[in-house]
Protein backbone atom coordinates (compact mmCIF):
# COMPACT_ATOMS: atom_id res chain seq x y z
CA ASP A 1 168.59 141.08 115.68
CA ALA A 2 172.14 139.73 115.73
CA ALA A 3 173.77 143.02 116.77
CA GLN A 4 171.48 143.34 119.78
CA LEU A 5 172.09 139.71 120.78
CA GLU A 6 175.83 140.18 120.45
CA SER A 7 175.69 143.31 122.62
CA VAL A 8 173.84 141.45 125.39
CA ALA A 9 176.14 138.42 125.11
CA LYS A 10 179.25 140.63 125.31
CA ARG A 11 178.07 142.11 128.61
CA TYR A 12 177.68 138.63 130.10
CA ALA A 13 180.92 137.39 128.54
CA ALA A 14 182.84 140.23 130.20
CA VAL A 15 181.89 138.76 133.59
CA PHE A 16 183.64 135.52 132.61
CA ALA A 17 186.58 137.18 130.79
CA THR A 18 185.65 135.52 127.52
CA ALA A 19 184.19 136.44 124.12
CA PRO A 20 180.79 135.31 122.86
CA GLN A 21 180.92 132.70 120.11
CA PRO A 22 178.46 133.26 117.23
CA GLY A 23 176.39 130.55 115.60
CA GLN A 24 173.10 129.77 113.88
CA LEU A 25 170.04 127.80 114.98
CA GLY A 26 168.02 127.00 111.88
CA GLY A 27 168.81 130.41 110.42
CA ALA A 28 168.37 132.31 113.70
CA PRO A 29 171.48 133.88 115.25
CA HIS A 30 172.83 132.87 118.63
CA PHE A 31 175.85 133.69 120.77
CA ASP A 32 177.32 131.28 123.32
CA VAL A 33 179.12 132.45 126.44
CA ALA A 34 181.43 129.94 128.12
CA THR A 35 181.16 130.13 131.90
CA GLY A 36 182.98 126.98 132.93
CA ASN A 37 180.48 124.12 133.19
CA THR A 38 177.20 126.03 132.63
CA PRO A 39 177.19 127.68 129.19
CA ILE A 40 174.75 130.49 128.39
CA ARG A 41 173.22 130.70 124.91
CA PHE A 42 171.63 133.98 123.77
CA THR A 43 169.18 133.83 120.87
CA THR A 44 165.93 135.16 119.42
CA ALA A 45 162.42 133.73 119.78
CA ALA A 46 162.97 131.85 116.48
CA GLY A 47 166.27 130.49 117.78
CA LEU A 48 164.65 129.44 121.07
CA ALA A 49 162.03 127.50 119.08
CA GLN A 50 164.86 125.65 117.26
CA LEU A 51 166.86 125.07 120.44
CA LEU A 52 164.00 124.03 122.71
CA PRO A 53 161.05 122.78 120.64
CA GLY A 54 157.74 123.17 122.45
CA VAL A 55 159.04 125.69 124.98
CA PRO A 56 156.97 128.88 124.64
CA ALA A 57 158.65 132.26 124.20
CA THR A 58 156.93 135.16 125.92
CA ALA A 59 156.69 138.64 124.41
CA ARG A 60 159.55 140.83 125.62
CA PRO A 61 160.57 144.47 125.15
CA GLN A 62 163.89 143.23 123.74
CA PRO A 63 163.73 140.14 121.53
CA CYS A 64 166.58 138.41 123.37
CA PHE A 65 166.38 135.10 125.16
CA ALA A 66 169.00 133.09 127.00
CA ALA A 67 169.27 129.40 127.84
CA LEU A 68 171.30 128.25 130.83
CA PHE A 69 172.37 124.61 130.70
CA PHE A 70 172.81 122.59 133.90
CA ARG A 71 174.10 119.04 134.22
CA THR A 72 172.19 116.89 136.68
CA ALA A 73 172.64 113.34 137.90
CA SER A 74 168.98 112.60 137.12
CA VAL A 75 166.60 114.49 134.85
CA ALA A 76 163.73 112.46 136.35
CA ALA A 77 164.62 113.53 139.89
CA THR A 78 164.98 117.15 138.74
CA GLN A 79 161.55 116.96 137.12
CA GLU A 80 160.04 115.65 140.37
CA VAL A 81 161.56 118.51 142.38
CA LEU A 82 160.41 121.16 139.89
CA ARG A 83 156.87 119.81 139.70
CA ALA A 84 156.65 119.39 143.49
CA ASN A 85 157.52 123.08 143.79
CA GLY A 86 154.99 124.19 141.19
CA VAL A 87 157.54 124.97 138.47
CA PRO A 88 156.20 123.97 135.03
CA CYS A 89 158.73 122.11 132.89
CA ILE A 90 158.80 120.66 129.39
CA ALA A 91 160.66 117.65 127.99
CA VAL A 92 163.13 118.72 125.28
CA PRO A 93 165.81 116.82 123.32
CA GLN A 94 168.48 117.95 125.82
CA GLY A 95 166.47 116.76 128.83
CA LEU A 96 164.09 119.15 130.60
CA ALA A 97 163.43 122.88 130.26
CA VAL A 98 161.77 125.62 132.27
CA ALA A 99 160.29 128.16 129.86
CA PRO A 100 161.79 131.68 129.77
CA GLY A 101 158.48 133.19 130.87
CA GLN A 102 159.07 131.59 134.26
CA ASP A 103 162.50 133.20 134.62
CA HIS A 104 162.59 136.67 132.99
CA GLY A 105 163.64 135.57 129.49
CA VAL A 106 166.06 132.87 130.63
CA ALA A 107 165.22 129.23 129.84
CA LEU A 108 166.70 126.75 132.31
CA VAL A 109 167.73 123.46 130.69
CA PHE A 110 168.61 120.37 132.70
CA GLY A 111 170.40 117.40 131.12
CA GLU A 112 172.46 114.43 132.21
């Protein structure tokens, strides 16, 4: 729910001396935390499905997910490194994603 997401986002935002910015992903709430060049987006399973189509959401005690966005010089080279190290990844509109089940509820998104 939005209040729970906002509570989680506020704790992370405090680290960066900022305030979470609310938004919607196809009707699902999300909160963005500005960190400099790697924003964090907190959302629900429904929001994750809108943000990263095809990336599975695992069952969690709290229905909160986060997506960390990284800029890379080459999505293809990043994909090679991830696959060579046994890390499953999925092509998404923003580039490449590692599902949150691989990283404790945090999806890693790599784009150029």
